[in-house]
Amino acid sequence: SVMPLPPEVDAILRKENKLCVWLDVDVNGSREAYQRAVDFVAARNLAYNLTSNKLEELGGSEKRRIKDQLYVNDFDWSQKGRIALAMPPQRMVFEMWPDVAPLAVENFVGIVLANKGKGAESGVLMSYKGCSFHRIIKGFV
């Protein structure tokens, strides 16, 4: 017999009558690198004669100048780590088919929501939070 989906699974995003779940991922620390670039522009825009103190308002040539010259040559800031001038897509969306594989959907969504508890042997919370991806292949599966 087919098990009905738990209510918390049904409560996940429903889009176009398709059950979808998503994972927000941070690829190579891009969120932190982007925030560092935003902070750099806000703090150093006057010193470097930028047209705005907001990164998203700067033009392409100014962003290129920040990346190639200004940031790397600013002793105080360049020591803080790399910058990213744009945020790459960081949401992976998975379409679920509960009518085809209800147990797999229940388990996957439970791990996404981190409500499956801790592993019996490891004692570690069963969740994707903090997990590393080895590689992502677009269009695979």
C-alpha atoms as a PDB file:
ATOM      1  CA  SER A   1       0.000   0.000   0.000  1.00  0.00           C
ATOM      2  CA  VAL A   2       1.092   3.580  -0.678  1.00  0.00           C
ATOM      3  CA  MET A   3       1.749   5.685   2.392  1.00  0.00           C
ATOM      4  CA  PRO A   4       0.208   9.185   2.385  1.00  0.00           C
ATOM      5  CA  LEU A   5       2.659  12.064   2.564  1.00  0.00           C
ATOM      6  CA  PRO A   6       3.114  13.644   5.991  1.00  0.00           C
ATOM      7  CA  PRO A   7       1.517  17.089   6.439  1.00  0.00           C
ATOM      8  CA  GLU A   8       4.910  18.844   6.595  1.00  0.00           C
ATOM      9  CA  VAL A   9       5.750  17.449   3.148  1.00  0.00           C
ATOM     10  CA  ASP A  10       2.465  18.750   1.753  1.00  0.00           C
ATOM     11  CA  ALA A  11       3.270  22.134   3.296  1.00  0.00           C
ATOM     12  CA  ILE A  12       6.382  22.493   1.084  1.00  0.00           C
ATOM     13  CA  LEU A  13       6.211  24.768  -1.936  1.00  0.00           C
ATOM     14  CA  ARG A  14       3.516  23.814  -4.454  1.00  0.00           C
ATOM     15  CA  LYS A  15       4.011  25.366  -7.858  1.00  0.00           C
ATOM     16  CA  GLU A  16       1.831  24.683 -10.885  1.00  0.00           C
ATOM     17  CA  ASN A  17       0.390  21.659  -9.073  1.00  0.00           C
ATOM     18  CA  LYS A  18       3.883  20.177  -8.851  1.00  0.00           C
ATOM     19  CA  LEU A  19       5.472  19.454  -5.521  1.00  0.00           C
ATOM     20  CA  CYS A  20       8.870  21.143  -5.381  1.00  0.00           C
ATOM     21  CA  VAL A  21      11.523  21.503  -2.727  1.00  0.00           C
ATOM     22  CA  TRP A  22      14.636  23.621  -2.872  1.00  0.00           C
ATOM     23  CA  LEU A  23      18.046  23.834  -1.313  1.00  0.00           C
ATOM     24  CA  ASP A  24      19.866  27.129  -0.995  1.00  0.00           C
ATOM     25  CA  VAL A  25      23.548  26.434  -1.505  1.00  0.00           C
ATOM     26  CA  ASP A  26      26.601  28.615  -1.051  1.00  0.00           C
ATOM     27  CA  VAL A  27      29.030  27.838  -3.855  1.00  0.00           C
ATOM     28  CA  ASN A  28      32.655  28.386  -2.786  1.00  0.00           C
ATOM     29  CA  GLY A  29      31.735  30.960  -0.142  1.00  0.00           C
ATOM     30  CA  SER A  30      30.138  33.272  -2.725  1.00  0.00           C
ATOM     31  CA  ARG A  31      27.719  34.875  -0.276  1.00  0.00           C
ATOM     32  CA  GLU A  32      30.557  35.996   1.966  1.00  0.00           C
ATOM     33  CA  ALA A  33      32.668  37.119  -1.020  1.00  0.00           C
ATOM     34  CA  TYR A  34      29.747  39.119  -2.442  1.00  0.00           C
ATOM     35  CA  GLN A  35      29.033  40.750   0.925  1.00  0.00           C
ATOM     36  CA  ARG A  36      32.726  41.637   1.163  1.00  0.00           C
ATOM     37  CA  ALA A  37      32.493  43.406  -2.223  1.00  0.00           C
ATOM     38  CA  VAL A  38      29.337  45.272  -1.121  1.00  0.00           C
ATOM     39  CA  ASP A  39      31.093  46.382   2.079  1.00  0.00           C
ATOM     40  CA  PHE A  40      34.239  47.400   0.170  1.00  0.00           C
ATOM     41  CA  VAL A  41      32.286  49.654  -2.202  1.00  0.00           C
ATOM     42  CA  ALA A  42      30.295  51.189   0.668  1.00  0.00           C
ATOM     43  CA  ALA A  43      33.455  51.927   2.650  1.00  0.00           C
ATOM     44  CA  ARG A  44      35.852  52.983  -0.135  1.00  0.00           C
ATOM     45  CA  ASN A  45      33.655  54.622  -2.802  1.00  0.00           C
ATOM     46  CA  LEU A  46      34.842  58.152  -2.002  1.00  0.00           C
ATOM     47  CA  ALA A  47      38.523  57.212  -1.770  1.00  0.00           C
ATOM     48  CA  TYR A  48      38.392  55.585  -5.219  1.00  0.00           C
ATOM     49  CA  ASN A  49      35.979  58.093  -6.817  1.00  0.00           C
ATOM     50  CA  LEU A  50      33.265  55.540  -7.597  1.00  0.00           C
ATOM     51  CA  THR A  51      29.914  56.792  -8.896  1.00  0.00           C
ATOM     52  CA  SER A  52      27.939  55.128  -6.089  1.00  0.00           C
ATOM     53  CA  ASN A  53      28.395  53.572  -2.678  1.00  0.00           C
ATOM     54  CA  LYS A  54      26.164  50.666  -3.769  1.00  0.00           C
ATOM     55  CA  LEU A  55      27.758  47.839  -5.722  1.00  0.00           C
ATOM     56  CA  GLU A  56      24.607  47.052  -7.719  1.00  0.00           C
ATOM     57  CA  GLU A  57      24.494  50.631  -9.077  1.00  0.00           C
ATOM     58  CA  LEU A  58      28.026  50.556 -10.516  1.00  0.00           C
ATOM     59  CA  GLY A  59      28.675  50.043 -14.214  1.00  0.00           C
ATOM     60  CA  GLY A  60      30.701  47.286 -15.796  1.00  0.00           C
ATOM     61  CA  SER A  61      33.903  49.302 -16.180  1.00  0.00           C
ATOM     62  CA  GLU A  62      33.820  50.333 -12.517  1.00  0.00           C
ATOM     63  CA  LYS A  63      33.242  46.747 -11.400  1.00  0.00           C
ATOM     64  CA  ARG A  64      36.133  45.593 -13.585  1.00  0.00           C
ATOM     65  CA  ARG A  65      38.334  48.312 -12.052  1.00  0.00           C
ATOM     66  CA  ILE A  66      37.361  47.190  -8.545  1.00  0.00           C
ATOM     67  CA  LYS A  67      38.188  43.559  -9.324  1.00  0.00           C
ATOM     68  CA  ASP A  68      41.393  44.103 -11.315  1.00  0.00           C
ATOM     69  CA  GLN A  69      42.940  47.101  -9.557  1.00  0.00           C
ATOM     70  CA  LEU A  70      41.289  48.638  -6.535  1.00  0.00           C
ATOM     71  CA  TYR A  71      40.514  45.686  -4.300  1.00  0.00           C
ATOM     72  CA  VAL A  72      43.708  43.723  -4.953  1.00  0.00           C
ATOM     73  CA  ASN A  73      45.862  46.801  -4.278  1.00  0.00           C
ATOM     74  CA  ASP A  74      44.001  47.912  -1.146  1.00  0.00           C
ATOM     75  CA  PHE A  75      46.172  46.497   1.630  1.00  0.00           C
ATOM     76  CA  ASP A  76      43.488  46.596   4.339  1.00  0.00           C
ATOM     77  CA  TRP A  77      40.761  44.986   2.271  1.00  0.00           C
ATOM     78  CA  SER A  78      42.662  42.510   0.106  1.00  0.00           C
ATOM     79  CA  GLN A  79      43.750  40.670   3.261  1.00  0.00           C
ATOM     80  CA  LYS A  80      40.115  39.811   4.052  1.00  0.00           C
ATOM     81  CA  GLY A  81      39.695  37.339   1.192  1.00  0.00           C
ATOM     82  CA  ARG A  82      38.330  37.240  -2.318  1.00  0.00           C
ATOM     83  CA  ILE A  83      35.364  39.251  -3.586  1.00  0.00           C
ATOM     84  CA  ALA A  84      32.509  38.378  -5.912  1.00  0.00           C
ATOM     85  CA  LEU A  85      30.915  41.226  -7.844  1.00  0.00           C
ATOM     86  CA  ALA A  86      27.796  39.223  -8.695  1.00  0.00           C
ATOM     87  CA  MET A  87      25.928  36.455  -6.923  1.00  0.00           C
ATOM     88  CA  PRO A  88      25.745  33.200  -8.872  1.00  0.00           C
ATOM     89  CA  PRO A  89      22.451  31.283  -8.809  1.00  0.00           C
ATOM     90  CA  GLN A  90      22.391  29.462  -5.499  1.00  0.00           C
ATOM     91  CA  ARG A  91      19.049  27.697  -5.351  1.00  0.00           C
ATOM     92  CA  MET A  92      18.607  24.123  -6.494  1.00  0.00           C
ATOM     93  CA  VAL A  93      14.964  23.201  -7.145  1.00  0.00           C
ATOM     94  CA  PHE A  94      13.848  19.577  -7.169  1.00  0.00           C
ATOM     95  CA  GLU A  95      10.501  18.451  -8.509  1.00  0.00           C
ATOM     96  CA  MET A  96       9.052  15.638  -6.397  1.00  0.00           C
ATOM     97  CA  TRP A  97       6.829  12.805  -7.617  1.00  0.00           C
ATOM     98  CA  PRO A  98       5.071  11.503  -4.503  1.00  0.00           C
ATOM     99  CA  ASP A  99       2.732   9.344  -6.571  1.00  0.00           C
ATOM    100  CA  VAL A 100       5.723   7.476  -8.059  1.00  0.00           C
ATOM    101  CA  ALA A 101       8.048   7.239  -5.039  1.00  0.00           C
ATOM    102  CA  PRO A 102       6.287   8.385  -1.855  1.00  0.00           C
ATOM    103  CA  LEU A 103       8.866   7.008   0.575  1.00  0.00           C
ATOM    104  CA  ALA A 104      11.781   8.584  -1.322  1.00  0.00           C
ATOM    105  CA  VAL A 105       9.956  11.931  -1.383  1.00  0.00           C
ATOM    106  CA  GLU A 106       9.161  11.683   2.332  1.00  0.00           C
ATOM    107  CA  ASN A 107      12.784  10.889   3.194  1.00  0.00           C
ATOM    108  CA  PHE A 108      14.281  13.550   0.923  1.00  0.00           C
ATOM    109  CA  VAL A 109      11.961  16.295   2.155  1.00  0.00           C
ATOM    110  CA  GLY A 110      12.523  15.192   5.763  1.00  0.00           C
ATOM    111  CA  ILE A 111      16.267  15.626   5.327  1.00  0.00           C
ATOM    112  CA  VAL A 112      15.770  18.989   3.601  1.00  0.00           C
ATOM    113  CA  LEU A 113      13.625  20.152   6.538  1.00  0.00           C
ATOM    114  CA  ALA A 114      15.976  18.505   9.059  1.00  0.00           C
ATOM    115  CA  ASN A 115      13.040  16.910  10.870  1.00  0.00           C
ATOM    116  CA  LYS A 116      14.200  13.278  10.607  1.00  0.00           C
ATOM    117  CA  GLY A 117      16.108  13.483  13.871  1.00  0.00           C
ATOM    118  CA  LYS A 118      19.606  12.169  14.444  1.00  0.00           C
ATOM    119  CA  GLY A 119      21.267   9.169  12.844  1.00  0.00           C
ATOM    120  CA  ALA A 120      21.024   6.030  14.979  1.00  0.00           C
ATOM    121  CA  GLU A 121      24.730   5.209  14.752  1.00  0.00           C
ATOM    122  CA  SER A 122      26.339   8.617  14.195  1.00  0.00           C
ATOM    123  CA  GLY A 123      24.142  10.779  16.408  1.00  0.00           C
ATOM    124  CA  VAL A 124      24.432  13.511  13.753  1.00  0.00           C
ATOM    125  CA  LEU A 125      21.364  15.527  12.720  1.00  0.00           C
ATOM    126  CA  MET A 126      20.093  14.163   9.401  1.00  0.00           C
ATOM    127  CA  SER A 127      20.115  17.332   7.314  1.00  0.00           C
ATOM    128  CA  TYR A 128      21.750  18.800   4.242  1.00  0.00           C
ATOM    129  CA  LYS A 129      22.870  21.858   6.229  1.00  0.00           C
ATOM    130  CA  GLY A 130      26.645  22.117   6.115  1.00  0.00           C
ATOM    131  CA  CYS A 131      27.007  19.285   3.594  1.00  0.00           C
ATOM    132  CA  SER A 132      29.491  19.691   0.769  1.00  0.00           C
ATOM    133  CA  PHE A 133      28.726  18.896  -2.849  1.00  0.00           C
ATOM    134  CA  HIS A 134      31.425  16.983  -4.664  1.00  0.00           C
ATOM    135  CA  ARG A 135      30.243  18.233  -8.033  1.00  0.00           C
ATOM    136  CA  ILE A 136      27.095  19.405  -9.744  1.00  0.00           C
ATOM    137  CA  ILE A 137      26.396  18.343 -13.318  1.00  0.00           C
ATOM    138  CA  LYS A 138      23.757  20.448 -15.050  1.00  0.00           C
ATOM    139  CA  GLY A 139      21.005  18.363 -16.602  1.00  0.00           C
ATOM    140  CA  PHE A 140      22.163  15.134 -14.970  1.00  0.00           C
ATOM    141  CA  VAL A 141      19.312  12.943 -13.730  1.00  0.00           C
END
